[in-house]
Amino acid sequence: MTMTLDENTRGIWYCQTIPEEQDFLMTLNRLEEGHYEITYRFRYYNSDDPFDEKDRKSWYRAEGRGKEEEIISGVRKALMLIGTGFTELLRGDRPFDDFMEEFMKQDFVHAKHIH
């Protein structure tokens, strides 16, 4: 399973749940007006290499209907059960490229170029 980041992405949340051992990442995507999909995963580190293929990941997906603000409020309430210290990036009315530029500047984001 993977997370899709595209024009339909409305929000991203991240938290290191256990330092040096585990993190959490979630995306909120709009499927159509009033219909949303949440995809999230817990990643359990094998090493400190962010591209370690031996890292274990537990994936989950859910769909919900309602207003975007209600869905985001529900996400925030659910995340309070996991812990504090979440990074929240909301798209709002920004162009997707501006949103992704902010995302790529986050400390938890790692990218590599493959030719």
N, C-alpha and C. Protein backbone atom coordinates (compact mmCIF):
# COMPACT_ATOMS: atom_id res chain seq x y z
N MET A 1 0.86 -1.17 0.00
CA MET A 1 0.00 0.00 0.00
C MET A 1 0.90 1.23 0.00
N THR A 2 0.41 2.30 -0.55
CA THR A 2 1.15 3.56 -0.58
C THR A 2 0.20 4.71 -0.28
N MET A 3 0.79 5.88 -0.11
CA MET A 3 0.01 7.10 0.07
C MET A 3 0.11 7.91 -1.21
N THR A 4 -1.02 8.43 -1.64
CA THR A 4 -1.05 9.24 -2.84
C THR A 4 -1.04 10.71 -2.46
N LEU A 5 -0.08 11.43 -2.99
CA LEU A 5 -0.02 12.88 -2.82
C LEU A 5 -0.25 13.50 -4.19
N ASP A 6 -1.42 14.11 -4.35
CA ASP A 6 -1.77 14.71 -5.63
C ASP A 6 -2.74 15.86 -5.40
N GLU A 7 -3.37 16.32 -6.46
CA GLU A 7 -4.29 17.46 -6.38
C GLU A 7 -5.44 17.23 -5.39
N ASN A 8 -5.71 15.98 -5.04
CA ASN A 8 -6.80 15.67 -4.11
C ASN A 8 -6.36 15.66 -2.65
N THR A 9 -5.08 15.80 -2.39
CA THR A 9 -4.57 15.77 -1.02
C THR A 9 -5.00 17.03 -0.28
N ARG A 10 -5.59 16.83 0.90
CA ARG A 10 -6.11 17.93 1.70
C ARG A 10 -5.30 18.14 2.98
N GLY A 11 -4.61 17.11 3.46
CA GLY A 11 -3.83 17.26 4.68
C GLY A 11 -2.86 16.11 4.89
N ILE A 12 -1.82 16.39 5.67
CA ILE A 12 -0.81 15.40 6.03
C ILE A 12 -0.50 15.59 7.51
N TRP A 13 -0.38 14.48 8.24
CA TRP A 13 -0.01 14.51 9.65
C TRP A 13 1.14 13.54 9.87
N TYR A 14 2.07 13.94 10.75
CA TYR A 14 3.24 13.11 11.05
C TYR A 14 3.58 13.24 12.52
N CYS A 15 4.04 12.14 13.10
CA CYS A 15 4.53 12.16 14.47
C CYS A 15 5.51 11.00 14.65
N GLN A 16 6.59 11.27 15.35
CA GLN A 16 7.49 10.18 15.74
C GLN A 16 6.93 9.66 17.06
N THR A 17 6.28 8.51 17.01
CA THR A 17 5.58 7.99 18.18
C THR A 17 6.53 7.42 19.23
N ILE A 18 7.59 6.76 18.79
CA ILE A 18 8.65 6.27 19.70
C ILE A 18 9.97 6.70 19.06
N PRO A 19 10.65 7.68 19.65
CA PRO A 19 11.90 8.18 19.06
C PRO A 19 12.88 7.05 18.72
N GLU A 20 13.43 7.14 17.52
CA GLU A 20 14.41 6.18 17.01
C GLU A 20 13.84 4.78 16.77
N GLU A 21 12.51 4.59 16.94
CA GLU A 21 11.92 3.26 16.77
C GLU A 21 10.69 3.23 15.87
N GLN A 22 9.85 4.26 15.96
CA GLN A 22 8.57 4.19 15.27
C GLN A 22 8.05 5.57 14.93
N ASP A 23 7.37 5.69 13.75
CA ASP A 23 6.68 6.94 13.43
C ASP A 23 5.33 6.65 12.80
N PHE A 24 4.56 7.71 12.64
CA PHE A 24 3.19 7.64 12.13
C PHE A 24 3.03 8.70 11.04
N LEU A 25 2.41 8.33 9.93
CA LEU A 25 2.16 9.26 8.84
C LEU A 25 0.75 9.03 8.32
N MET A 26 0.01 10.14 8.08
CA MET A 26 -1.37 10.04 7.60
C MET A 26 -1.62 11.08 6.52
N THR A 27 -2.41 10.71 5.53
CA THR A 27 -2.85 11.66 4.50
C THR A 27 -4.37 11.65 4.44
N LEU A 28 -4.91 12.80 4.07
CA LEU A 28 -6.34 12.95 3.84
C LEU A 28 -6.51 13.38 2.40
N ASN A 29 -7.24 12.59 1.63
CA ASN A 29 -7.50 12.90 0.22
C ASN A 29 -9.00 12.98 -0.03
N ARG A 30 -9.38 13.93 -0.86
CA ARG A 30 -10.78 14.06 -1.25
C ARG A 30 -11.01 13.17 -2.47
N LEU A 31 -11.97 12.26 -2.35
CA LEU A 31 -12.34 11.39 -3.46
C LEU A 31 -13.33 12.10 -4.37
N GLU A 32 -14.25 12.82 -3.76
CA GLU A 32 -15.21 13.68 -4.43
C GLU A 32 -15.77 14.60 -3.35
N GLU A 33 -16.49 15.61 -3.73
CA GLU A 33 -16.99 16.56 -2.73
C GLU A 33 -17.79 15.81 -1.66
N GLY A 34 -17.38 15.99 -0.40
CA GLY A 34 -18.06 15.35 0.71
C GLY A 34 -17.67 13.91 0.96
N HIS A 35 -16.70 13.37 0.22
CA HIS A 35 -16.26 11.98 0.37
C HIS A 35 -14.73 11.97 0.43
N TYR A 36 -14.20 11.46 1.56
CA TYR A 36 -12.76 11.54 1.82
C TYR A 36 -12.18 10.18 2.15
N GLU A 37 -10.88 10.07 1.91
CA GLU A 37 -10.14 8.86 2.25
C GLU A 37 -8.96 9.23 3.12
N ILE A 38 -8.80 8.48 4.19
CA ILE A 38 -7.65 8.62 5.08
C ILE A 38 -6.79 7.39 4.89
N THR A 39 -5.50 7.60 4.66
CA THR A 39 -4.54 6.51 4.58
C THR A 39 -3.46 6.81 5.62
N TYR A 40 -3.15 5.82 6.44
CA TYR A 40 -2.09 6.03 7.42
C TYR A 40 -1.29 4.76 7.64
N ARG A 41 -0.11 4.99 8.18
CA ARG A 41 0.76 3.86 8.45
C ARG A 41 1.64 4.15 9.67
N PHE A 42 1.98 3.08 10.35
CA PHE A 42 3.00 3.11 11.39
C PHE A 42 4.23 2.47 10.77
N ARG A 43 5.38 3.09 10.96
CA ARG A 43 6.63 2.52 10.46
C ARG A 43 7.51 2.18 11.65
N TYR A 44 8.00 0.94 11.67
CA TYR A 44 8.87 0.44 12.73
C TYR A 44 10.26 0.31 12.13
N TYR A 45 11.22 1.06 12.67
CA TYR A 45 12.55 1.16 12.07
C TYR A 45 13.38 -0.09 12.27
N ASN A 46 14.08 -0.48 11.23
CA ASN A 46 15.09 -1.53 11.31
C ASN A 46 16.45 -0.89 11.57
N SER A 47 16.64 0.31 11.03
CA SER A 47 17.90 1.04 11.19
C SER A 47 17.58 2.53 11.11
N ASP A 48 18.61 3.37 11.16
CA ASP A 48 18.37 4.81 11.05
C ASP A 48 18.37 5.29 9.59
N ASP A 49 18.43 4.37 8.64
CA ASP A 49 18.35 4.69 7.22
C ASP A 49 16.87 4.86 6.84
N PRO A 50 16.45 6.06 6.42
CA PRO A 50 15.03 6.26 6.10
C PRO A 50 14.56 5.44 4.88
N PHE A 51 15.49 4.87 4.12
CA PHE A 51 15.12 4.07 2.96
C PHE A 51 15.37 2.58 3.19
N ASP A 52 15.53 2.18 4.45
CA ASP A 52 15.78 0.79 4.80
C ASP A 52 14.58 -0.07 4.41
N GLU A 53 14.77 -0.96 3.47
CA GLU A 53 13.68 -1.81 3.00
C GLU A 53 13.22 -2.82 4.04
N LYS A 54 14.01 -2.98 5.10
CA LYS A 54 13.63 -3.91 6.17
C LYS A 54 12.76 -3.26 7.23
N ASP A 55 12.54 -1.95 7.12
CA ASP A 55 11.58 -1.31 8.03
C ASP A 55 10.23 -1.99 7.85
N ARG A 56 9.52 -2.20 8.93
CA ARG A 56 8.20 -2.82 8.87
C ARG A 56 7.15 -1.73 8.90
N LYS A 57 6.13 -1.85 8.08
CA LYS A 57 5.07 -0.84 8.02
C LYS A 57 3.71 -1.52 8.15
N SER A 58 2.85 -0.92 8.96
CA SER A 58 1.47 -1.38 9.11
C SER A 58 0.58 -0.32 8.48
N TRP A 59 -0.18 -0.71 7.45
CA TRP A 59 -0.98 0.22 6.66
C TRP A 59 -2.46 0.10 6.99
N TYR A 60 -3.16 1.25 6.91
CA TYR A 60 -4.60 1.29 7.17
C TYR A 60 -5.23 2.32 6.24
N ARG A 61 -6.50 2.10 5.93
CA ARG A 61 -7.23 3.03 5.07
C ARG A 61 -8.68 3.05 5.52
N ALA A 62 -9.27 4.24 5.48
CA ALA A 62 -10.68 4.40 5.83
C ALA A 62 -11.28 5.50 4.97
N GLU A 63 -12.59 5.43 4.78
CA GLU A 63 -13.31 6.46 4.04
C GLU A 63 -14.35 7.08 4.94
N GLY A 64 -14.64 8.34 4.69
CA GLY A 64 -15.66 9.04 5.46
C GLY A 64 -16.38 10.06 4.60
N ARG A 65 -17.56 10.43 5.05
CA ARG A 65 -18.36 11.43 4.33
C ARG A 65 -18.66 12.57 5.28
N GLY A 66 -18.66 13.77 4.74
CA GLY A 66 -18.96 14.95 5.53
C GLY A 66 -18.24 16.15 4.96
N LYS A 67 -18.31 17.24 5.70
CA LYS A 67 -17.58 18.45 5.30
C LYS A 67 -16.11 18.28 5.64
N GLU A 68 -15.26 18.89 4.84
CA GLU A 68 -13.82 18.76 5.06
C GLU A 68 -13.42 19.18 6.47
N GLU A 69 -13.98 20.28 6.96
CA GLU A 69 -13.65 20.76 8.31
C GLU A 69 -14.02 19.72 9.37
N GLU A 70 -15.14 19.03 9.18
CA GLU A 70 -15.56 17.99 10.12
C GLU A 70 -14.61 16.80 10.09
N ILE A 71 -14.19 16.43 8.90
CA ILE A 71 -13.26 15.30 8.77
C ILE A 71 -11.94 15.65 9.46
N ILE A 72 -11.43 16.85 9.22
CA ILE A 72 -10.17 17.28 9.84
C ILE A 72 -10.31 17.33 11.35
N SER A 73 -11.43 17.82 11.85
CA SER A 73 -11.67 17.84 13.30
C SER A 73 -11.67 16.42 13.87
N GLY A 74 -12.28 15.49 13.16
CA GLY A 74 -12.29 14.10 13.59
C GLY A 74 -10.90 13.49 13.59
N VAL A 75 -10.10 13.82 12.58
CA VAL A 75 -8.71 13.35 12.52
C VAL A 75 -7.96 13.85 13.74
N ARG A 76 -8.10 15.13 14.06
CA ARG A 76 -7.39 15.71 15.21
C ARG A 76 -7.78 15.01 16.51
N LYS A 77 -9.07 14.74 16.68
CA LYS A 77 -9.52 14.05 17.90
C LYS A 77 -8.95 12.65 17.98
N ALA A 78 -8.92 11.94 16.86
CA ALA A 78 -8.35 10.59 16.85
C ALA A 78 -6.86 10.61 17.15
N LEU A 79 -6.16 11.60 16.61
CA LEU A 79 -4.72 11.67 16.83
C LEU A 79 -4.38 11.99 18.29
N MET A 80 -5.27 12.64 18.99
CA MET A 80 -5.04 12.92 20.41
C MET A 80 -4.94 11.62 21.20
N LEU A 81 -5.55 10.55 20.71
CA LEU A 81 -5.46 9.25 21.38
C LEU A 81 -4.09 8.63 21.22
N ILE A 82 -3.41 8.98 20.13
CA ILE A 82 -2.07 8.43 19.87
C ILE A 82 -1.01 9.18 20.66
N GLY A 83 -1.15 10.49 20.75
CA GLY A 83 -0.16 11.27 21.47
C GLY A 83 -0.14 12.71 21.02
N THR A 84 0.93 13.40 21.38
CA THR A 84 1.07 14.81 21.03
C THR A 84 2.29 14.99 20.14
N GLY A 85 2.49 16.21 19.72
CA GLY A 85 3.67 16.50 18.92
C GLY A 85 3.50 16.22 17.45
N PHE A 86 2.28 16.24 16.96
CA PHE A 86 2.04 16.00 15.54
C PHE A 86 2.36 17.23 14.72
N THR A 87 2.94 16.99 13.55
CA THR A 87 3.08 18.02 12.55
C THR A 87 1.84 17.91 11.67
N GLU A 88 1.16 19.03 11.49
CA GLU A 88 -0.05 19.06 10.66
C GLU A 88 0.18 20.03 9.51
N LEU A 89 -0.03 19.54 8.30
CA LEU A 89 0.05 20.39 7.11
C LEU A 89 -1.30 20.31 6.41
N LEU A 90 -1.98 21.44 6.34
CA LEU A 90 -3.27 21.50 5.66
C LEU A 90 -3.13 22.28 4.37
N ARG A 91 -3.75 21.79 3.36
CA ARG A 91 -3.64 22.40 2.03
C ARG A 91 -4.40 23.72 1.95
N GLY A 92 -5.62 23.74 2.46
CA GLY A 92 -6.43 24.94 2.35
C GLY A 92 -6.67 25.28 0.89
N ASP A 93 -6.56 26.56 0.56
CA ASP A 93 -6.80 27.03 -0.81
C ASP A 93 -5.52 27.13 -1.64
N ARG A 94 -4.40 26.67 -1.07
CA ARG A 94 -3.12 26.79 -1.78
C ARG A 94 -3.06 25.89 -3.00
N PRO A 95 -2.30 26.32 -3.99
CA PRO A 95 -2.02 25.41 -5.12
C PRO A 95 -1.23 24.19 -4.60
N PHE A 96 -1.43 23.07 -5.25
CA PHE A 96 -0.77 21.83 -4.83
C PHE A 96 0.74 21.99 -4.77
N ASP A 97 1.34 22.66 -5.74
CA ASP A 97 2.80 22.82 -5.76
C ASP A 97 3.30 23.58 -4.53
N ASP A 98 2.57 24.59 -4.08
CA ASP A 98 2.96 25.33 -2.87
C ASP A 98 2.85 24.44 -1.63
N PHE A 99 1.79 23.65 -1.57
CA PHE A 99 1.60 22.71 -0.46
C PHE A 99 2.74 21.70 -0.42
N MET A 100 3.11 21.15 -1.57
CA MET A 100 4.19 20.17 -1.62
C MET A 100 5.54 20.79 -1.29
N GLU A 101 5.73 22.04 -1.66
CA GLU A 101 6.96 22.73 -1.31
C GLU A 101 7.11 22.81 0.20
N GLU A 102 6.03 23.14 0.90
CA GLU A 102 6.07 23.17 2.37
C GLU A 102 6.31 21.76 2.92
N PHE A 103 5.66 20.77 2.37
CA PHE A 103 5.83 19.39 2.81
C PHE A 103 7.29 18.95 2.69
N MET A 104 7.90 19.23 1.55
CA MET A 104 9.27 18.79 1.30
C MET A 104 10.29 19.46 2.23
N LYS A 105 9.92 20.57 2.85
CA LYS A 105 10.82 21.26 3.78
C LYS A 105 10.79 20.67 5.19
N GLN A 106 9.88 19.75 5.46
CA GLN A 106 9.74 19.19 6.80
C GLN A 106 10.93 18.28 7.14
N ASP A 107 11.34 18.28 8.40
CA ASP A 107 12.47 17.46 8.84
C ASP A 107 12.24 15.97 8.62
N PHE A 108 11.01 15.52 8.68
CA PHE A 108 10.72 14.10 8.58
C PHE A 108 10.65 13.60 7.13
N VAL A 109 10.73 14.49 6.16
CA VAL A 109 10.62 14.10 4.75
C VAL A 109 12.01 13.80 4.20
N HIS A 110 12.13 12.64 3.60
CA HIS A 110 13.38 12.20 2.97
C HIS A 110 13.08 11.88 1.52
N ALA A 111 13.90 12.36 0.64
CA ALA A 111 13.71 12.10 -0.79
C ALA A 111 15.03 11.70 -1.41
N LYS A 112 14.92 10.84 -2.40
CA LYS A 112 16.11 10.50 -3.17
C LYS A 112 15.70 10.45 -4.63
N HIS A 113 16.63 10.83 -5.48
CA HIS A 113 16.38 10.84 -6.91
C HIS A 113 16.87 9.52 -7.50
N ILE A 114 16.02 8.92 -8.29
CA ILE A 114 16.37 7.68 -8.95
C ILE A 114 16.39 7.95 -10.45
N HIS A 115 17.47 7.60 -11.06
CA HIS A 115 17.63 7.85 -12.50
C HIS A 115 17.28 6.61 -13.30
